[in-house]
C-alpha atoms as a PDB file:
ATOM      1  CA  UNK A   1       5.910  90.477 299.261  1.00  0.00           C
ATOM      2  CA  UNK A   2       4.654  93.906 301.012  1.00  0.00           C
ATOM      3  CA  UNK A   3       5.404  96.939 298.091  1.00  0.00           C
ATOM      4  CA  UNK A   4       5.866  94.835 295.476  1.00  0.00           C
ATOM      5  CA  UNK A   5       2.297  95.484 293.856  1.00  0.00           C
ATOM      6  CA  UNK A   6       3.703  95.544 290.189  1.00  0.00           C
ATOM      7  CA  UNK A   7       5.194  91.674 290.591  1.00  0.00           C
ATOM      8  CA  UNK A   8       2.515  90.487 292.304  1.00  0.00           C
ATOM      9  CA  UNK A   9      -0.148  91.435 289.959  1.00  0.00           C
ATOM     10  CA  UNK A  10       1.842  90.204 286.822  1.00  0.00           C
ATOM     11  CA  UNK A  11       2.353  86.729 288.573  1.00  0.00           C
ATOM     12  CA  UNK A  12      -1.098  86.685 289.405  1.00  0.00           C
ATOM     13  CA  UNK A  13      -2.066  87.193 285.835  1.00  0.00           C
ATOM     14  CA  UNK A  14       0.565  85.379 284.345  1.00  0.00           C
ATOM     15  CA  UNK A  15      -1.085  82.136 286.228  1.00  0.00           C
ATOM     16  CA  UNK A  16      -4.623  83.259 285.521  1.00  0.00           C
ATOM     17  CA  UNK A  17      -3.649  83.440 281.681  1.00  0.00           C
ATOM     18  CA  UNK A  18      -1.909  79.840 281.919  1.00  0.00           C
ATOM     19  CA  UNK A  19      -4.735  78.448 283.689  1.00  0.00           C
ATOM     20  CA  UNK A  20      -7.392  80.011 281.217  1.00  0.00           C
ATOM     21  CA  UNK A  21      -5.287  78.417 278.167  1.00  0.00           C
ATOM     22  CA  UNK A  22      -5.232  74.956 279.956  1.00  0.00           C
ATOM     23  CA  UNK A  23      -9.205  74.985 280.007  1.00  0.00           C
ATOM     24  CA  UNK A  24      -9.534  76.316 276.575  1.00  0.00           C
ATOM     25  CA  UNK A  25      -7.112  73.831 275.332  1.00  0.00           C
ATOM     26  CA  UNK A  26      -8.581  71.068 276.914  1.00  0.00           C
ATOM     27  CA  UNK A  27     -11.937  72.206 275.458  1.00  0.00           C
ATOM     28  CA  UNK A  28     -10.533  72.314 271.849  1.00  0.00           C
ATOM     29  CA  UNK A  29      -8.294  69.319 271.798  1.00  0.00           C
ATOM     30  CA  UNK A  30      -8.969  67.308 274.741  1.00  0.00           C
ATOM     31  CA  UNK A  31      -6.345  65.784 276.968  1.00  0.00           C
ATOM     32  CA  UNK A  32      -3.879  65.776 274.405  1.00  0.00           C
ATOM     33  CA  UNK A  33      -2.064  68.742 275.420  1.00  0.00           C
ATOM     34  CA  UNK A  34      -2.782  68.677 278.970  1.00  0.00           C
ATOM     35  CA  UNK A  35       0.597  67.253 280.201  1.00  0.00           C
ATOM     36  CA  UNK A  36       2.548  69.936 278.325  1.00  0.00           C
ATOM     37  CA  UNK A  37       0.135  72.417 280.211  1.00  0.00           C
ATOM     38  CA  UNK A  38       0.373  71.303 283.408  1.00  0.00           C
ATOM     39  CA  UNK A  39       4.436  70.882 283.152  1.00  0.00           C
ATOM     40  CA  UNK A  40       4.226  74.643 282.337  1.00  0.00           C
ATOM     41  CA  UNK A  41       2.154  75.684 285.268  1.00  0.00           C
ATOM     42  CA  UNK A  42       3.902  73.489 287.573  1.00  0.00           C
ATOM     43  CA  UNK A  43       7.127  75.528 286.096  1.00  0.00           C
ATOM     44  CA  UNK A  44       5.579  78.852 286.857  1.00  0.00           C
ATOM     45  CA  UNK A  45       4.106  77.908 290.553  1.00  0.00           C
ATOM     46  CA  UNK A  46       7.685  76.794 291.379  1.00  0.00           C
ATOM     47  CA  UNK A  47       9.135  80.075 290.384  1.00  0.00           C
ATOM     48  CA  UNK A  48       6.310  81.910 292.437  1.00  0.00           C
ATOM     49  CA  UNK A  49       7.553  79.820 295.347  1.00  0.00           C
ATOM     50  CA  UNK A  50      11.237  80.945 294.681  1.00  0.00           C
ATOM     51  CA  UNK A  51      10.559  84.460 294.112  1.00  0.00           C
ATOM     52  CA  UNK A  52       8.313  84.767 297.388  1.00  0.00           C
ATOM     53  CA  UNK A  53      11.402  83.344 299.279  1.00  0.00           C
ATOM     54  CA  UNK A  54      14.515  84.791 297.399  1.00  0.00           C
ATOM     55  CA  UNK A  55      15.158  88.395 296.807  1.00  0.00           C
ATOM     56  CA  UNK A  56      17.603  87.047 294.232  1.00  0.00           C
ATOM     57  CA  UNK A  57      17.569  88.205 290.443  1.00  0.00           C
ATOM     58  CA  UNK A  58      17.908  84.336 289.551  1.00  0.00           C
ATOM     59  CA  UNK A  59      14.636  83.776 290.852  1.00  0.00           C
ATOM     60  CA  UNK A  60      13.200  86.932 288.698  1.00  0.00           C
ATOM     61  CA  UNK A  61      15.105  85.874 285.770  1.00  0.00           C
ATOM     62  CA  UNK A  62      13.579  82.098 285.655  1.00  0.00           C
ATOM     63  CA  UNK A  63       9.838  83.500 284.885  1.00  0.00           C
ATOM     64  CA  UNK A  64      10.998  86.104 282.748  1.00  0.00           C
ATOM     65  CA  UNK A  65      12.931  84.137 280.700  1.00  0.00           C
ATOM     66  CA  UNK A  66      10.289  81.512 280.613  1.00  0.00           C
ATOM     67  CA  UNK A  67       7.995  84.385 278.682  1.00  0.00           C
ATOM     68  CA  UNK A  68      10.675  85.320 276.741  1.00  0.00           C
ATOM     69  CA  UNK A  69      11.250  81.582 275.311  1.00  0.00           C
ATOM     70  CA  UNK A  70       7.200  80.960 274.765  1.00  0.00           C
ATOM     71  CA  UNK A  71       7.391  84.196 272.295  1.00  0.00           C
ATOM     72  CA  UNK A  72      10.361  82.274 270.450  1.00  0.00           C
ATOM     73  CA  UNK A  73       8.160  79.340 270.689  1.00  0.00           C
ATOM     74  CA  UNK A  74       4.778  81.020 269.555  1.00  0.00           C
ATOM     75  CA  UNK A  75       7.208  82.728 266.492  1.00  0.00           C
ATOM     76  CA  UNK A  76       7.248  79.469 265.047  1.00  0.00           C
ATOM     77  CA  UNK A  77       3.822  77.988 265.868  1.00  0.00           C
ATOM     78  CA  UNK A  78       1.669  77.202 263.354  1.00  0.00           C
ATOM     79  CA  UNK A  79      -1.032  75.670 265.806  1.00  0.00           C
ATOM     80  CA  UNK A  80      -3.200  78.587 266.462  1.00  0.00           C
ATOM     81  CA  UNK A  81      -4.818  81.672 264.514  1.00  0.00           C
ATOM     82  CA  UNK A  82      -2.619  84.308 263.550  1.00  0.00           C
ATOM     83  CA  UNK A  83      -4.419  86.831 265.929  1.00  0.00           C
ATOM     84  CA  UNK A  84      -4.175  84.889 268.640  1.00  0.00           C
ATOM     85  CA  UNK A  85      -0.559  83.904 268.273  1.00  0.00           C
ATOM     86  CA  UNK A  86       0.238  87.908 267.926  1.00  0.00           C
ATOM     87  CA  UNK A  87      -1.745  88.349 271.291  1.00  0.00           C
ATOM     88  CA  UNK A  88       0.285  85.600 273.212  1.00  0.00           C
ATOM     89  CA  UNK A  89       3.468  87.106 271.682  1.00  0.00           C
ATOM     90  CA  UNK A  90       2.616  90.562 272.909  1.00  0.00           C
ATOM     91  CA  UNK A  91       2.013  89.139 276.329  1.00  0.00           C
ATOM     92  CA  UNK A  92       4.918  87.183 276.681  1.00  0.00           C
ATOM     93  CA  UNK A  93       6.872  90.363 275.395  1.00  0.00           C
ATOM     94  CA  UNK A  94       5.215  92.481 277.988  1.00  0.00           C
ATOM     95  CA  UNK A  95       5.021  90.183 280.940  1.00  0.00           C
ATOM     96  CA  UNK A  96       8.537  89.041 281.090  1.00  0.00           C
ATOM     97  CA  UNK A  97      10.404  92.447 281.445  1.00  0.00           C
ATOM     98  CA  UNK A  98       7.526  93.517 283.823  1.00  0.00           C
ATOM     99  CA  UNK A  99       8.392  90.481 285.992  1.00  0.00           C
ATOM    100  CA  UNK A 100      12.158  91.299 286.004  1.00  0.00           C
ATOM    101  CA  UNK A 101      12.151  95.119 286.305  1.00  0.00           C
ATOM    102  CA  UNK A 102       9.316  95.203 288.482  1.00  0.00           C
ATOM    103  CA  UNK A 103      11.664  97.193 291.182  1.00  0.00           C
ATOM    104  CA  UNK A 104      11.882  99.760 288.439  1.00  0.00           C
ATOM    105  CA  UNK A 105       8.599 100.121 287.653  1.00  0.00           C
ATOM    106  CA  UNK A 106       7.006 100.318 290.698  1.00  0.00           C
ATOM    107  CA  UNK A 107       9.736 103.145 291.406  1.00  0.00           C
ATOM    108  CA  UNK A 108       8.679 105.058 288.334  1.00  0.00           C
ATOM    109  CA  UNK A 109       4.958 104.952 289.044  1.00  0.00           C
ATOM    110  CA  UNK A 110       5.247 105.659 292.633  1.00  0.00           C
ATOM    111  CA  UNK A 111       3.722 102.509 293.934  1.00  0.00           C
ATOM    112  CA  UNK A 112       4.978 100.050 296.463  1.00  0.00           C
ATOM    113  CA  UNK A 113       8.062 100.910 298.556  1.00  0.00           C
ATOM    114  CA  UNK A 114       7.727 104.080 299.992  1.00  0.00           C
ATOM    115  CA  UNK A 115      10.594 106.609 298.760  1.00  0.00           C
ATOM    116  CA  UNK A 116      12.445 108.321 301.696  1.00  0.00           C
END
């Protein structure tokens, strides 16, 4: 994991956002959607372990695809306010590609693994 600061930051942000959403939804609606939210969090944690233990692009594709599918789900959701829905769509559209293309982003901004 050393030298993968963009990936680590994106994963941490993703889990923090998921936890905040879980607490917010629980406070607003109650335990009705909690099983769905816990499943989403569990899936993200499994993806984190896959990323940590494997350098395969499949392990990066899963969380990136998860965020893109979340965008598609958000486009057709009527359960939240328009501004909140747009914020989450933007967040998922941004974080998914960041997770998948973290190597390229790190090389472009000059962080992570040192260049020779």
